[in-house]
Amino acid sequence: MDYESNEYTEWICTLNEDIVSLFAQQLGDDTITIDSLFLDVGVDSLDFISIVVKIENKYNIEFADDDLNYLKFTTIKDLTTHIQSSYC
């Protein structure tokens, strides 16, 4: 994929929106944004793993064991940036 193309930019926007939506659904909080802090919105390890499984299934990726610790990421944006750099 050409990382400077409109297609890639659209894919990133879709990824970001999808992951924000997954967190909002999991936590029952429609005020969650890409910049929401995990600890502020109440993400725990079970929420995180549940969302990771959904991301893996939707995007056909597999998180490394080191990436399954939700404390590694501060915000949803940190997570999406990591997905982009590690799995794309």
C-alpha atoms as a PDB file:
ATOM      1  CA  MET A   1       0.000   0.000   0.000  1.00  0.00           C
ATOM      2  CA  ASP A   2       1.282   3.458  -0.897  1.00  0.00           C
ATOM      3  CA  TYR A   3       1.589   5.203   2.474  1.00  0.00           C
ATOM      4  CA  GLU A   4       1.094   8.634   0.935  1.00  0.00           C
ATOM      5  CA  SER A   5      -2.022   7.763  -1.047  1.00  0.00           C
ATOM      6  CA  ASN A   6      -5.561   8.862  -0.331  1.00  0.00           C
ATOM      7  CA  GLU A   7      -6.487   5.192   0.035  1.00  0.00           C
ATOM      8  CA  TYR A   8      -4.028   4.782   2.918  1.00  0.00           C
ATOM      9  CA  THR A   9      -5.231   8.006   4.551  1.00  0.00           C
ATOM     10  CA  GLU A  10      -8.824   6.801   4.318  1.00  0.00           C
ATOM     11  CA  TRP A  11      -7.816   3.425   5.748  1.00  0.00           C
ATOM     12  CA  ILE A  12      -6.165   5.130   8.733  1.00  0.00           C
ATOM     13  CA  CYS A  13      -9.251   7.257   9.356  1.00  0.00           C
ATOM     14  CA  THR A  14     -11.446   4.166   9.171  1.00  0.00           C
ATOM     15  CA  LEU A  15      -9.142   2.261  11.529  1.00  0.00           C
ATOM     16  CA  ASN A  16      -9.220   5.112  14.030  1.00  0.00           C
ATOM     17  CA  GLU A  17     -13.017   5.425  13.838  1.00  0.00           C
ATOM     18  CA  ASP A  18     -13.509   1.662  14.128  1.00  0.00           C
ATOM     19  CA  ILE A  19     -11.325   1.364  17.198  1.00  0.00           C
ATOM     20  CA  VAL A  20     -12.923   4.356  18.913  1.00  0.00           C
ATOM     21  CA  SER A  21     -16.299   2.757  18.186  1.00  0.00           C
ATOM     22  CA  LEU A  22     -15.162  -0.592  19.621  1.00  0.00           C
ATOM     23  CA  PHE A  23     -14.066   1.091  22.856  1.00  0.00           C
ATOM     24  CA  ALA A  24     -17.284   3.128  23.054  1.00  0.00           C
ATOM     25  CA  GLN A  25     -19.392  -0.010  22.593  1.00  0.00           C
ATOM     26  CA  GLN A  26     -17.343  -2.095  25.032  1.00  0.00           C
ATOM     27  CA  LEU A  27     -17.490   0.572  27.742  1.00  0.00           C
ATOM     28  CA  GLY A  28     -20.983   1.910  26.992  1.00  0.00           C
ATOM     29  CA  ASP A  29     -19.606   5.437  26.649  1.00  0.00           C
ATOM     30  CA  ASP A  30     -20.289   7.430  23.482  1.00  0.00           C
ATOM     31  CA  THR A  31     -18.089  10.322  24.629  1.00  0.00           C
ATOM     32  CA  ILE A  32     -14.887   8.361  24.002  1.00  0.00           C
ATOM     33  CA  THR A  33     -12.519   9.921  21.461  1.00  0.00           C
ATOM     34  CA  ILE A  34      -9.214   8.954  19.876  1.00  0.00           C
ATOM     35  CA  ASP A  35      -7.460  10.977  22.606  1.00  0.00           C
ATOM     36  CA  SER A  36      -9.320   9.436  25.543  1.00  0.00           C
ATOM     37  CA  LEU A  37      -7.004   8.113  28.235  1.00  0.00           C
ATOM     38  CA  PHE A  38      -7.592   4.432  28.942  1.00  0.00           C
ATOM     39  CA  LEU A  39      -7.429   4.944  32.698  1.00  0.00           C
ATOM     40  CA  ASP A  40      -9.862   7.894  32.569  1.00  0.00           C
ATOM     41  CA  VAL A  41     -12.535   5.939  30.672  1.00  0.00           C
ATOM     42  CA  GLY A  42     -12.140   2.813  32.781  1.00  0.00           C
ATOM     43  CA  VAL A  43     -10.435   0.413  30.389  1.00  0.00           C
ATOM     44  CA  ASP A  44      -9.253  -2.689  32.203  1.00  0.00           C
ATOM     45  CA  SER A  45      -7.346  -5.708  30.965  1.00  0.00           C
ATOM     46  CA  LEU A  46     -10.505  -7.674  30.115  1.00  0.00           C
ATOM     47  CA  ASP A  47     -11.952  -4.776  28.092  1.00  0.00           C
ATOM     48  CA  PHE A  48      -8.673  -4.397  26.269  1.00  0.00           C
ATOM     49  CA  ILE A  49      -8.344  -8.087  25.371  1.00  0.00           C
ATOM     50  CA  SER A  50     -11.949  -8.193  24.184  1.00  0.00           C
ATOM     51  CA  ILE A  51     -11.303  -5.247  21.881  1.00  0.00           C
ATOM     52  CA  VAL A  52      -7.981  -6.672  20.676  1.00  0.00           C
ATOM     53  CA  VAL A  53      -9.739  -9.883  19.612  1.00  0.00           C
ATOM     54  CA  LYS A  54     -12.272  -7.829  17.629  1.00  0.00           C
ATOM     55  CA  ILE A  55      -9.467  -5.817  15.988  1.00  0.00           C
ATOM     56  CA  GLU A  56      -7.551  -8.984  15.128  1.00  0.00           C
ATOM     57  CA  ASN A  57     -10.627 -10.536  13.536  1.00  0.00           C
ATOM     58  CA  LYS A  58     -11.667  -7.447  11.615  1.00  0.00           C
ATOM     59  CA  TYR A  59      -8.213  -6.514  10.294  1.00  0.00           C
ATOM     60  CA  ASN A  60      -6.782 -10.025  10.029  1.00  0.00           C
ATOM     61  CA  ILE A  61      -3.796  -9.286  12.242  1.00  0.00           C
ATOM     62  CA  GLU A  62      -2.424 -10.972  15.346  1.00  0.00           C
ATOM     63  CA  PHE A  63      -1.115  -8.907  18.216  1.00  0.00           C
ATOM     64  CA  ALA A  64       2.247  -9.929  19.630  1.00  0.00           C
ATOM     65  CA  ASP A  65       2.156 -11.116  23.229  1.00  0.00           C
ATOM     66  CA  ASP A  66       3.984  -7.935  24.290  1.00  0.00           C
ATOM     67  CA  ASP A  67       1.136  -5.863  22.826  1.00  0.00           C
ATOM     68  CA  LEU A  68      -1.559  -7.497  24.957  1.00  0.00           C
ATOM     69  CA  ASN A  69      -0.751  -5.411  28.031  1.00  0.00           C
ATOM     70  CA  TYR A  70      -3.156  -2.487  27.969  1.00  0.00           C
ATOM     71  CA  LEU A  71      -0.839  -0.471  30.225  1.00  0.00           C
ATOM     72  CA  LYS A  72       1.571  -0.249  27.283  1.00  0.00           C
ATOM     73  CA  PHE A  73      -0.801   2.280  25.692  1.00  0.00           C
ATOM     74  CA  THR A  74      -2.092   5.498  27.201  1.00  0.00           C
ATOM     75  CA  THR A  75      -4.745   6.447  24.649  1.00  0.00           C
ATOM     76  CA  ILE A  76      -6.652   4.928  21.769  1.00  0.00           C
ATOM     77  CA  LYS A  77      -4.447   6.984  19.468  1.00  0.00           C
ATOM     78  CA  ASP A  78      -1.359   5.299  20.945  1.00  0.00           C
ATOM     79  CA  LEU A  79      -2.922   1.943  20.139  1.00  0.00           C
ATOM     80  CA  THR A  80      -3.911   2.856  16.572  1.00  0.00           C
ATOM     81  CA  THR A  81      -0.492   4.367  15.892  1.00  0.00           C
ATOM     82  CA  HIS A  82       1.110   1.166  17.141  1.00  0.00           C
ATOM     83  CA  ILE A  83      -1.151  -0.959  14.932  1.00  0.00           C
ATOM     84  CA  GLN A  84      -0.238   1.168  11.910  1.00  0.00           C
ATOM     85  CA  SER A  85       3.492   0.947  12.549  1.00  0.00           C
ATOM     86  CA  SER A  86       3.626  -2.714  13.596  1.00  0.00           C
ATOM     87  CA  TYR A  87       0.997  -4.510  11.603  1.00  0.00           C
ATOM     88  CA  CYS A  88       0.550  -2.624   8.340  1.00  0.00           C
END
